[in-house]
């Protein structure tokens, strides 16, 4: 679990750094966030509570497996999107854009390989539907996606910290 915690922290720091990358987001002023999926990671990885979480009641006790399954699904989804972006022919500056995104992909690969995830399905991205012909529009969309990924990596780190603490094993089920 220690290696996974370190890798999740590395991913958070990496994505935080990507959001500050002047080359990737040059000229983009948008502050919008664009989530990529509708996974249940936030609910599945929330600590066991005796009350509802944002108006949503957990349907059972906290499950490490369910939490990790949702995290893995998110990682696979973001991996597919980043990979499809890197393959675009109209990148503004491939030599400067691809390396930092490849580092992010490498961290995701390491997480999926090192942290006993049960999610094995590969995600795919319909590139024609996802990306357009304009480099600027694609970079703007990718920035919004990376902002959502940043928020999700915060969730991952909190969940892994909760699991590593062992607190979930000591909390009685509200059911």
N, C-alpha and C. Protein backbone atom coordinates (compact mmCIF):
# COMPACT_ATOMS: atom_id res chain seq x y z
N UNK A 1 0.82 -1.19 0.00
CA UNK A 1 0.00 0.00 0.00
C UNK A 1 0.87 1.26 0.00
N UNK A 2 2.05 1.15 0.59
CA UNK A 2 2.94 2.31 0.68
C UNK A 2 3.35 2.79 -0.72
N UNK A 3 3.68 1.85 -1.62
CA UNK A 3 4.05 2.23 -2.98
C UNK A 3 2.88 2.89 -3.69
N UNK A 4 1.67 2.35 -3.51
CA UNK A 4 0.49 2.95 -4.13
C UNK A 4 0.26 4.35 -3.61
N UNK A 5 0.40 4.55 -2.33
CA UNK A 5 0.22 5.88 -1.76
C UNK A 5 1.21 6.86 -2.37
N UNK A 6 2.44 6.43 -2.50
CA UNK A 6 3.47 7.27 -3.09
C UNK A 6 3.15 7.57 -4.55
N UNK A 7 2.70 6.58 -5.31
CA UNK A 7 2.35 6.79 -6.71
C UNK A 7 1.15 7.72 -6.87
N UNK A 8 0.17 7.59 -6.01
CA UNK A 8 -0.99 8.50 -6.07
C UNK A 8 -0.55 9.93 -5.76
N UNK A 9 0.32 10.08 -4.78
CA UNK A 9 0.84 11.42 -4.45
C UNK A 9 1.63 11.98 -5.64
N UNK A 10 2.42 11.13 -6.27
CA UNK A 10 3.19 11.54 -7.45
C UNK A 10 2.25 11.97 -8.57
N UNK A 11 1.16 11.23 -8.76
CA UNK A 11 0.19 11.60 -9.79
C UNK A 11 -0.43 12.96 -9.49
N UNK A 12 -0.80 13.19 -8.24
CA UNK A 12 -1.38 14.48 -7.87
C UNK A 12 -0.40 15.62 -8.14
N UNK A 13 0.83 15.45 -7.74
CA UNK A 13 1.84 16.49 -7.98
C UNK A 13 2.07 16.70 -9.47
N UNK A 14 2.08 15.60 -10.23
CA UNK A 14 2.28 15.69 -11.67
C UNK A 14 1.15 16.46 -12.34
N UNK A 15 -0.08 16.12 -12.02
CA UNK A 15 -1.23 16.79 -12.63
C UNK A 15 -1.29 18.25 -12.19
N UNK A 16 -0.96 18.52 -10.93
CA UNK A 16 -0.89 19.91 -10.46
C UNK A 16 0.12 20.69 -11.30
N UNK A 17 1.26 20.08 -11.57
CA UNK A 17 2.28 20.71 -12.40
C UNK A 17 1.82 20.91 -13.84
N UNK A 18 1.11 19.94 -14.37
CA UNK A 18 0.59 20.08 -15.74
C UNK A 18 -0.32 21.29 -15.87
N UNK A 19 -1.12 21.53 -14.85
CA UNK A 19 -2.05 22.65 -14.91
C UNK A 19 -1.33 24.00 -14.94
N UNK A 20 -0.07 24.00 -14.52
CA UNK A 20 0.74 25.23 -14.53
C UNK A 20 1.65 25.32 -15.75
N UNK A 21 1.54 24.35 -16.66
CA UNK A 21 2.42 24.28 -17.83
C UNK A 21 2.02 25.33 -18.86
N UNK A 22 2.87 26.33 -19.04
CA UNK A 22 2.58 27.42 -19.97
C UNK A 22 2.56 26.98 -21.42
N UNK A 23 3.31 25.96 -21.76
CA UNK A 23 3.34 25.49 -23.14
C UNK A 23 2.02 24.81 -23.52
N UNK A 24 1.53 23.93 -22.65
CA UNK A 24 0.30 23.20 -22.96
C UNK A 24 -0.90 24.12 -23.07
N UNK A 25 -0.99 25.12 -22.20
CA UNK A 25 -2.22 25.90 -22.11
C UNK A 25 -2.02 27.36 -22.53
N UNK A 26 -0.99 27.64 -23.28
CA UNK A 26 -0.70 29.01 -23.71
C UNK A 26 -1.90 29.65 -24.41
N UNK A 27 -2.29 30.81 -23.90
CA UNK A 27 -3.37 31.57 -24.51
C UNK A 27 -4.77 31.16 -24.11
N UNK A 28 -4.90 30.17 -23.24
CA UNK A 28 -6.23 29.68 -22.83
C UNK A 28 -6.58 30.31 -21.49
N UNK A 29 -7.73 30.97 -21.46
CA UNK A 29 -8.14 31.68 -20.26
C UNK A 29 -9.30 31.01 -19.54
N UNK A 30 -9.84 29.97 -20.09
CA UNK A 30 -11.00 29.30 -19.50
C UNK A 30 -10.66 28.68 -18.15
N UNK A 31 -11.64 28.70 -17.24
CA UNK A 31 -11.45 28.06 -15.94
C UNK A 31 -12.47 26.94 -15.74
N UNK A 32 -13.04 26.46 -16.82
CA UNK A 32 -14.06 25.41 -16.76
C UNK A 32 -13.44 24.05 -16.49
N UNK A 33 -14.28 23.15 -15.98
CA UNK A 33 -13.89 21.77 -15.68
C UNK A 33 -14.79 20.86 -16.50
N UNK A 34 -14.21 19.83 -17.11
CA UNK A 34 -14.99 18.90 -17.93
C UNK A 34 -14.74 17.47 -17.47
N UNK A 35 -15.63 16.93 -16.62
CA UNK A 35 -15.47 15.53 -16.18
C UNK A 35 -15.61 14.59 -17.38
N UNK A 36 -14.92 13.47 -17.31
CA UNK A 36 -14.92 12.56 -18.46
C UNK A 36 -15.83 11.36 -18.30
N UNK A 37 -16.24 11.03 -17.10
CA UNK A 37 -17.11 9.87 -16.92
C UNK A 37 -18.04 10.10 -15.74
N UNK A 38 -18.88 9.18 -15.54
CA UNK A 38 -19.82 9.31 -14.42
C UNK A 38 -19.60 8.18 -13.42
N UNK A 39 -18.34 7.94 -13.10
CA UNK A 39 -18.03 6.87 -12.16
C UNK A 39 -18.55 7.22 -10.77
N UNK A 40 -18.59 6.24 -9.92
CA UNK A 40 -19.06 6.41 -8.55
C UNK A 40 -17.90 6.53 -7.57
N UNK A 41 -16.74 6.99 -8.04
CA UNK A 41 -15.55 7.02 -7.19
C UNK A 41 -15.77 7.83 -5.92
N UNK A 42 -16.35 8.99 -6.04
CA UNK A 42 -16.52 9.85 -4.86
C UNK A 42 -17.37 9.14 -3.82
N UNK A 43 -18.46 8.55 -4.22
CA UNK A 43 -19.32 7.85 -3.28
C UNK A 43 -18.68 6.55 -2.80
N UNK A 44 -18.09 5.78 -3.73
CA UNK A 44 -17.49 4.49 -3.36
C UNK A 44 -16.30 4.65 -2.42
N UNK A 45 -15.60 5.77 -2.52
CA UNK A 45 -14.40 5.96 -1.71
C UNK A 45 -14.61 6.87 -0.51
N UNK A 46 -15.84 7.31 -0.30
CA UNK A 46 -16.12 8.16 0.86
C UNK A 46 -16.02 7.32 2.14
N UNK A 47 -15.52 7.92 3.21
CA UNK A 47 -15.47 7.20 4.49
C UNK A 47 -16.85 6.74 4.91
N UNK A 48 -16.89 5.69 5.68
CA UNK A 48 -18.16 5.19 6.20
C UNK A 48 -18.75 6.26 7.10
N UNK A 49 -19.98 6.62 6.82
CA UNK A 49 -20.64 7.67 7.58
C UNK A 49 -21.95 7.16 8.14
N UNK A 50 -22.41 7.79 9.17
CA UNK A 50 -23.72 7.44 9.72
C UNK A 50 -24.81 8.32 9.13
N UNK A 51 -24.46 9.16 8.17
CA UNK A 51 -25.43 10.03 7.54
C UNK A 51 -25.19 10.05 6.04
N UNK A 52 -26.00 10.77 5.33
CA UNK A 52 -25.87 10.81 3.88
C UNK A 52 -24.69 11.68 3.47
N UNK A 53 -24.16 11.41 2.30
CA UNK A 53 -23.05 12.18 1.73
C UNK A 53 -23.62 13.00 0.59
N UNK A 54 -23.69 14.31 0.78
CA UNK A 54 -24.22 15.21 -0.25
C UNK A 54 -25.58 14.75 -0.74
N UNK A 55 -26.40 14.31 0.17
CA UNK A 55 -27.74 13.88 -0.19
C UNK A 55 -27.83 12.47 -0.74
N UNK A 56 -26.70 11.77 -0.81
CA UNK A 56 -26.69 10.41 -1.35
C UNK A 56 -26.33 9.44 -0.23
N UNK A 57 -27.11 8.44 -0.04
CA UNK A 57 -26.87 7.45 1.00
C UNK A 57 -26.07 6.28 0.41
N UNK A 58 -25.02 5.88 1.09
CA UNK A 58 -24.25 4.71 0.66
C UNK A 58 -25.13 3.48 0.83
N UNK A 59 -25.02 2.55 -0.11
CA UNK A 59 -25.89 1.37 -0.09
C UNK A 59 -25.29 0.22 0.71
N UNK A 60 -24.25 0.46 1.43
CA UNK A 60 -23.64 -0.58 2.24
C UNK A 60 -22.39 -0.04 2.90
N UNK A 61 -21.67 -0.89 3.60
CA UNK A 61 -20.46 -0.44 4.29
C UNK A 61 -19.36 -0.11 3.28
N UNK A 62 -18.36 0.61 3.76
CA UNK A 62 -17.22 0.96 2.91
C UNK A 62 -16.55 -0.31 2.39
N UNK A 63 -16.21 -0.32 1.11
CA UNK A 63 -15.55 -1.46 0.50
C UNK A 63 -14.28 -1.00 -0.22
N UNK A 64 -13.13 -1.49 0.26
CA UNK A 64 -11.87 -1.19 -0.42
C UNK A 64 -11.94 -1.59 -1.88
N UNK A 65 -12.46 -2.80 -2.12
CA UNK A 65 -12.53 -3.31 -3.49
C UNK A 65 -13.35 -2.40 -4.40
N UNK A 66 -14.50 -1.94 -3.91
CA UNK A 66 -15.36 -1.06 -4.71
C UNK A 66 -14.68 0.28 -4.96
N UNK A 67 -14.01 0.79 -3.95
CA UNK A 67 -13.28 2.05 -4.09
C UNK A 67 -12.18 1.90 -5.15
N UNK A 68 -11.35 0.87 -5.00
CA UNK A 68 -10.26 0.67 -5.95
C UNK A 68 -10.77 0.36 -7.36
N UNK A 69 -11.88 -0.32 -7.46
CA UNK A 69 -12.47 -0.61 -8.77
C UNK A 69 -12.84 0.70 -9.48
N UNK A 70 -13.45 1.61 -8.76
CA UNK A 70 -13.83 2.90 -9.33
C UNK A 70 -12.61 3.76 -9.66
N UNK A 71 -11.61 3.74 -8.80
CA UNK A 71 -10.38 4.48 -9.08
C UNK A 71 -9.73 3.94 -10.35
N UNK A 72 -9.65 2.62 -10.47
CA UNK A 72 -9.04 2.02 -11.65
C UNK A 72 -9.80 2.41 -12.91
N UNK A 73 -11.14 2.41 -12.84
CA UNK A 73 -11.93 2.80 -14.01
C UNK A 73 -11.60 4.24 -14.40
N UNK A 74 -11.51 5.12 -13.42
CA UNK A 74 -11.15 6.51 -13.72
C UNK A 74 -9.76 6.60 -14.35
N UNK A 75 -8.80 5.90 -13.79
CA UNK A 75 -7.45 5.93 -14.34
C UNK A 75 -7.42 5.45 -15.78
N UNK A 76 -8.13 4.38 -16.06
CA UNK A 76 -8.18 3.83 -17.42
C UNK A 76 -8.84 4.83 -18.38
N UNK A 77 -9.90 5.48 -17.92
CA UNK A 77 -10.57 6.48 -18.76
C UNK A 77 -9.65 7.66 -19.07
N UNK A 78 -9.00 8.20 -18.05
CA UNK A 78 -8.10 9.33 -18.28
C UNK A 78 -6.89 8.91 -19.11
N UNK A 79 -6.41 7.71 -18.90
CA UNK A 79 -5.30 7.20 -19.71
C UNK A 79 -5.68 7.19 -21.19
N UNK A 80 -6.88 6.73 -21.50
CA UNK A 80 -7.35 6.67 -22.89
C UNK A 80 -7.46 8.07 -23.50
N UNK A 81 -7.96 9.01 -22.72
CA UNK A 81 -8.13 10.37 -23.23
C UNK A 81 -6.77 11.03 -23.48
N UNK A 82 -5.87 10.92 -22.51
CA UNK A 82 -4.55 11.52 -22.68
C UNK A 82 -3.83 10.88 -23.86
N UNK A 83 -3.92 9.56 -23.98
CA UNK A 83 -3.29 8.86 -25.11
C UNK A 83 -3.85 9.33 -26.44
N UNK A 84 -5.16 9.51 -26.51
CA UNK A 84 -5.77 9.95 -27.77
C UNK A 84 -5.35 11.38 -28.10
N UNK A 85 -5.21 12.21 -27.09
CA UNK A 85 -4.77 13.59 -27.32
C UNK A 85 -3.35 13.62 -27.88
N UNK A 86 -2.48 12.82 -27.29
CA UNK A 86 -1.08 12.78 -27.73
C UNK A 86 -0.96 12.37 -29.19
N UNK A 87 -1.88 11.55 -29.67
CA UNK A 87 -1.83 11.05 -31.05
C UNK A 87 -2.33 12.06 -32.09
N UNK A 88 -2.92 13.16 -31.63
CA UNK A 88 -3.47 14.13 -32.57
C UNK A 88 -2.39 14.67 -33.50
N UNK A 89 -2.78 14.88 -34.74
CA UNK A 89 -1.85 15.41 -35.74
C UNK A 89 -1.70 16.92 -35.64
N UNK A 90 -2.64 17.58 -34.99
CA UNK A 90 -2.62 19.04 -34.97
C UNK A 90 -2.18 19.63 -33.63
N UNK A 91 -1.31 18.94 -32.92
CA UNK A 91 -0.78 19.52 -31.68
C UNK A 91 0.01 20.78 -32.03
N UNK A 92 -0.10 21.78 -31.20
CA UNK A 92 0.59 23.05 -31.45
C UNK A 92 2.10 22.87 -31.44
N UNK A 93 2.60 22.12 -30.45
CA UNK A 93 4.03 21.91 -30.30
C UNK A 93 4.28 20.51 -29.73
N UNK A 94 4.24 19.49 -30.60
CA UNK A 94 4.37 18.11 -30.10
C UNK A 94 5.62 17.86 -29.25
N UNK A 95 6.72 18.44 -29.63
CA UNK A 95 7.97 18.21 -28.89
C UNK A 95 7.89 18.73 -27.45
N UNK A 96 7.05 19.73 -27.23
CA UNK A 96 6.91 20.29 -25.89
C UNK A 96 5.66 19.79 -25.17
N UNK A 97 4.63 19.39 -25.91
CA UNK A 97 3.38 18.95 -25.30
C UNK A 97 3.40 17.47 -24.89
N UNK A 98 4.00 16.64 -25.72
CA UNK A 98 3.92 15.20 -25.50
C UNK A 98 4.71 14.72 -24.28
N UNK A 99 5.96 15.15 -24.06
CA UNK A 99 6.72 14.62 -22.91
C UNK A 99 6.04 14.77 -21.55
N UNK A 100 5.49 15.94 -21.19
CA UNK A 100 4.85 16.00 -19.87
C UNK A 100 3.61 15.11 -19.78
N UNK A 101 2.89 14.98 -20.86
CA UNK A 101 1.71 14.11 -20.85
C UNK A 101 2.13 12.64 -20.81
N UNK A 102 3.24 12.31 -21.46
CA UNK A 102 3.76 10.94 -21.38
C UNK A 102 4.18 10.59 -19.96
N UNK A 103 4.73 11.56 -19.22
CA UNK A 103 5.08 11.31 -17.81
C UNK A 103 3.82 10.98 -17.00
N UNK A 104 2.76 11.69 -17.28
CA UNK A 104 1.49 11.40 -16.60
C UNK A 104 1.01 10.00 -16.95
N UNK A 105 1.08 9.64 -18.22
CA UNK A 105 0.68 8.29 -18.63
C UNK A 105 1.53 7.23 -17.95
N UNK A 106 2.82 7.49 -17.79
CA UNK A 106 3.70 6.51 -17.15
C UNK A 106 3.30 6.31 -15.69
N UNK A 107 2.95 7.37 -15.01
CA UNK A 107 2.50 7.24 -13.62
C UNK A 107 1.21 6.44 -13.55
N UNK A 108 0.29 6.71 -14.47
CA UNK A 108 -0.96 5.95 -14.51
C UNK A 108 -0.67 4.47 -14.77
N UNK A 109 0.21 4.17 -15.72
CA UNK A 109 0.58 2.77 -16.00
C UNK A 109 1.17 2.12 -14.76
N UNK A 110 2.04 2.83 -14.05
CA UNK A 110 2.65 2.28 -12.84
C UNK A 110 1.60 2.01 -11.77
N UNK A 111 0.64 2.91 -11.63
CA UNK A 111 -0.44 2.70 -10.67
C UNK A 111 -1.26 1.47 -11.02
N UNK A 112 -1.65 1.36 -12.29
CA UNK A 112 -2.47 0.23 -12.71
C UNK A 112 -1.71 -1.10 -12.56
N UNK A 113 -0.41 -1.05 -12.72
CA UNK A 113 0.41 -2.26 -12.62
C UNK A 113 0.73 -2.63 -11.17
N UNK A 114 0.99 -1.62 -10.35
CA UNK A 114 1.51 -1.87 -8.99
C UNK A 114 0.46 -2.00 -7.91
N UNK A 115 -0.72 -1.49 -8.13
CA UNK A 115 -1.72 -1.42 -7.06
C UNK A 115 -2.88 -2.35 -7.36
N UNK A 116 -2.86 -3.51 -6.96
CA UNK A 116 -3.85 -4.58 -7.14
C UNK A 116 -5.27 -4.12 -7.49
N UNK A 117 -5.43 -3.51 -8.65
CA UNK A 117 -6.75 -3.08 -9.09
C UNK A 117 -7.49 -4.23 -9.73
N UNK A 118 -8.81 -4.25 -9.57
CA UNK A 118 -9.62 -5.32 -10.15
C UNK A 118 -10.21 -4.91 -11.50
N UNK A 119 -10.09 -3.65 -11.88
CA UNK A 119 -10.63 -3.19 -13.15
C UNK A 119 -9.67 -3.56 -14.27
N UNK A 120 -10.13 -4.34 -15.25
CA UNK A 120 -9.24 -4.78 -16.32
C UNK A 120 -9.70 -4.32 -17.70
N UNK A 121 -10.87 -3.73 -17.79
CA UNK A 121 -11.37 -3.28 -19.08
C UNK A 121 -10.56 -2.07 -19.56
N UNK A 122 -10.31 -2.05 -20.85
CA UNK A 122 -9.64 -0.90 -21.45
C UNK A 122 -10.69 0.08 -21.93
N UNK A 123 -10.41 1.33 -21.76
CA UNK A 123 -11.31 2.38 -22.26
C UNK A 123 -10.87 2.76 -23.67
N UNK A 124 -11.80 3.22 -24.43
CA UNK A 124 -11.45 3.71 -25.76
C UNK A 124 -12.10 5.08 -25.95
N UNK A 125 -11.48 5.86 -26.78
CA UNK A 125 -11.96 7.20 -27.05
C UNK A 125 -12.27 7.29 -28.53
N UNK A 126 -13.46 7.72 -28.86
CA UNK A 126 -13.82 7.98 -30.25
C UNK A 126 -13.20 9.33 -30.61
N UNK A 127 -12.01 9.25 -31.20
CA UNK A 127 -11.22 10.46 -31.41
C UNK A 127 -11.93 11.49 -32.28
N UNK A 128 -12.67 11.06 -33.29
CA UNK A 128 -13.37 12.01 -34.14
C UNK A 128 -14.44 12.77 -33.37
N UNK A 129 -15.07 12.13 -32.40
CA UNK A 129 -16.09 12.78 -31.60
C UNK A 129 -15.46 13.61 -30.47
N UNK A 130 -14.30 13.18 -30.00
CA UNK A 130 -13.66 13.82 -28.86
C UNK A 130 -12.91 15.09 -29.25
N UNK A 131 -12.14 15.00 -30.32
CA UNK A 131 -11.25 16.08 -30.70
C UNK A 131 -11.65 16.69 -32.04
N UNK A 132 -11.39 17.98 -32.18
CA UNK A 132 -11.72 18.68 -33.41
C UNK A 132 -10.48 18.96 -34.25
N UNK A 133 -10.64 19.85 -35.19
CA UNK A 133 -9.54 20.18 -36.10
C UNK A 133 -8.68 21.33 -35.58
N UNK A 134 -9.19 22.08 -34.61
CA UNK A 134 -8.47 23.24 -34.10
C UNK A 134 -7.59 22.85 -32.91
N UNK A 135 -6.31 23.15 -33.04
CA UNK A 135 -5.37 22.88 -31.95
C UNK A 135 -5.78 23.65 -30.69
N UNK A 136 -6.19 24.89 -30.86
CA UNK A 136 -6.59 25.71 -29.71
C UNK A 136 -7.78 25.08 -29.00
N UNK A 137 -8.81 24.70 -29.75
CA UNK A 137 -10.01 24.10 -29.15
C UNK A 137 -9.67 22.80 -28.44
N UNK A 138 -8.78 22.00 -29.03
CA UNK A 138 -8.37 20.73 -28.41
C UNK A 138 -7.60 20.98 -27.12
N UNK A 139 -6.71 21.96 -27.13
CA UNK A 139 -5.96 22.28 -25.92
C UNK A 139 -6.89 22.81 -24.84
N UNK A 140 -7.88 23.61 -25.24
CA UNK A 140 -8.84 24.12 -24.27
C UNK A 140 -9.65 22.98 -23.65
N UNK A 141 -10.08 22.05 -24.47
CA UNK A 141 -10.84 20.90 -23.97
C UNK A 141 -9.96 20.04 -23.06
N UNK A 142 -8.71 19.83 -23.48
CA UNK A 142 -7.80 19.02 -22.68
C UNK A 142 -7.53 19.69 -21.32
N UNK A 143 -7.43 21.01 -21.30
CA UNK A 143 -7.23 21.71 -20.03
C UNK A 143 -8.43 21.50 -19.11
N UNK A 144 -9.63 21.57 -19.64
CA UNK A 144 -10.83 21.35 -18.82
C UNK A 144 -10.85 19.92 -18.29
N UNK A 145 -10.41 18.96 -19.11
CA UNK A 145 -10.34 17.56 -18.68
C UNK A 145 -9.27 17.39 -17.61
N UNK A 146 -8.13 18.04 -17.79
CA UNK A 146 -7.06 17.92 -16.79
C UNK A 146 -7.46 18.55 -15.46
N UNK A 147 -8.28 19.60 -15.50
CA UNK A 147 -8.78 20.17 -14.24
C UNK A 147 -9.67 19.16 -13.52
N UNK A 148 -10.51 18.48 -14.27
CA UNK A 148 -11.36 17.44 -13.67
C UNK A 148 -10.48 16.31 -13.12
N UNK A 149 -9.45 15.94 -13.86
CA UNK A 149 -8.54 14.88 -13.42
C UNK A 149 -7.82 15.31 -12.15
N UNK A 150 -7.46 16.57 -12.05
CA UNK A 150 -6.80 17.07 -10.85
C UNK A 150 -7.71 16.90 -9.63
N UNK A 151 -8.97 17.27 -9.78
CA UNK A 151 -9.93 17.10 -8.69
C UNK A 151 -10.05 15.62 -8.33
N UNK A 152 -10.09 14.77 -9.35
CA UNK A 152 -10.21 13.33 -9.11
C UNK A 152 -8.97 12.79 -8.42
N UNK A 153 -7.77 13.29 -8.76
CA UNK A 153 -6.55 12.80 -8.10
C UNK A 153 -6.54 13.18 -6.61
N UNK A 154 -7.17 14.31 -6.28
CA UNK A 154 -7.31 14.68 -4.87
C UNK A 154 -8.18 13.64 -4.17
N UNK A 155 -9.27 13.25 -4.82
CA UNK A 155 -10.15 12.21 -4.28
C UNK A 155 -9.38 10.90 -4.10
N UNK A 156 -8.59 10.52 -5.10
CA UNK A 156 -7.80 9.29 -5.01
C UNK A 156 -6.90 9.33 -3.77
N UNK A 157 -6.20 10.44 -3.59
CA UNK A 157 -5.26 10.56 -2.48
C UNK A 157 -5.97 10.50 -1.14
N UNK A 158 -7.11 11.13 -1.04
CA UNK A 158 -7.87 11.07 0.22
C UNK A 158 -8.34 9.65 0.49
N UNK A 159 -8.82 8.96 -0.55
CA UNK A 159 -9.30 7.59 -0.38
C UNK A 159 -8.16 6.66 0.04
N UNK A 160 -7.02 6.79 -0.61
CA UNK A 160 -5.89 5.93 -0.28
C UNK A 160 -5.40 6.21 1.14
N UNK A 161 -5.41 7.47 1.54
CA UNK A 161 -5.04 7.82 2.92
C UNK A 161 -6.00 7.21 3.93
N UNK A 162 -7.28 7.25 3.60
CA UNK A 162 -8.30 6.66 4.48
C UNK A 162 -8.09 5.16 4.59
N UNK A 163 -7.85 4.50 3.46
CA UNK A 163 -7.64 3.05 3.48
C UNK A 163 -6.35 2.71 4.23
N UNK A 164 -5.29 3.47 3.96
CA UNK A 164 -4.01 3.20 4.63
C UNK A 164 -4.10 3.40 6.14
N UNK A 165 -4.97 4.30 6.58
CA UNK A 165 -5.12 4.55 8.01
C UNK A 165 -5.75 3.36 8.74
N UNK A 166 -6.50 2.54 7.99
CA UNK A 166 -7.19 1.42 8.60
C UNK A 166 -8.46 1.80 9.33
N UNK A 167 -8.78 3.08 9.30
CA UNK A 167 -9.96 3.57 10.02
C UNK A 167 -11.25 2.91 9.54
N UNK A 168 -11.30 2.58 8.26
CA UNK A 168 -12.52 1.98 7.70
C UNK A 168 -12.80 0.60 8.32
N UNK A 169 -11.77 -0.03 8.86
CA UNK A 169 -11.95 -1.36 9.47
C UNK A 169 -12.50 -1.25 10.89
N UNK A 170 -12.38 -0.06 11.47
CA UNK A 170 -12.81 0.16 12.85
C UNK A 170 -14.16 0.86 12.96
N UNK A 171 -14.67 1.35 11.82
CA UNK A 171 -15.92 2.10 11.84
C UNK A 171 -17.09 1.14 11.67
N UNK A 172 -18.01 1.13 12.60
CA UNK A 172 -19.15 0.23 12.46
C UNK A 172 -20.03 0.68 11.29
N UNK A 173 -20.60 -0.28 10.62
CA UNK A 173 -21.48 0.01 9.49
C UNK A 173 -22.75 0.69 10.00
N UNK A 174 -23.23 1.70 9.25
CA UNK A 174 -24.47 2.37 9.66
C UNK A 174 -25.70 1.52 9.33
N UNK A 175 -25.51 0.33 8.81
CA UNK A 175 -26.64 -0.51 8.38
C UNK A 175 -26.76 -1.78 9.21
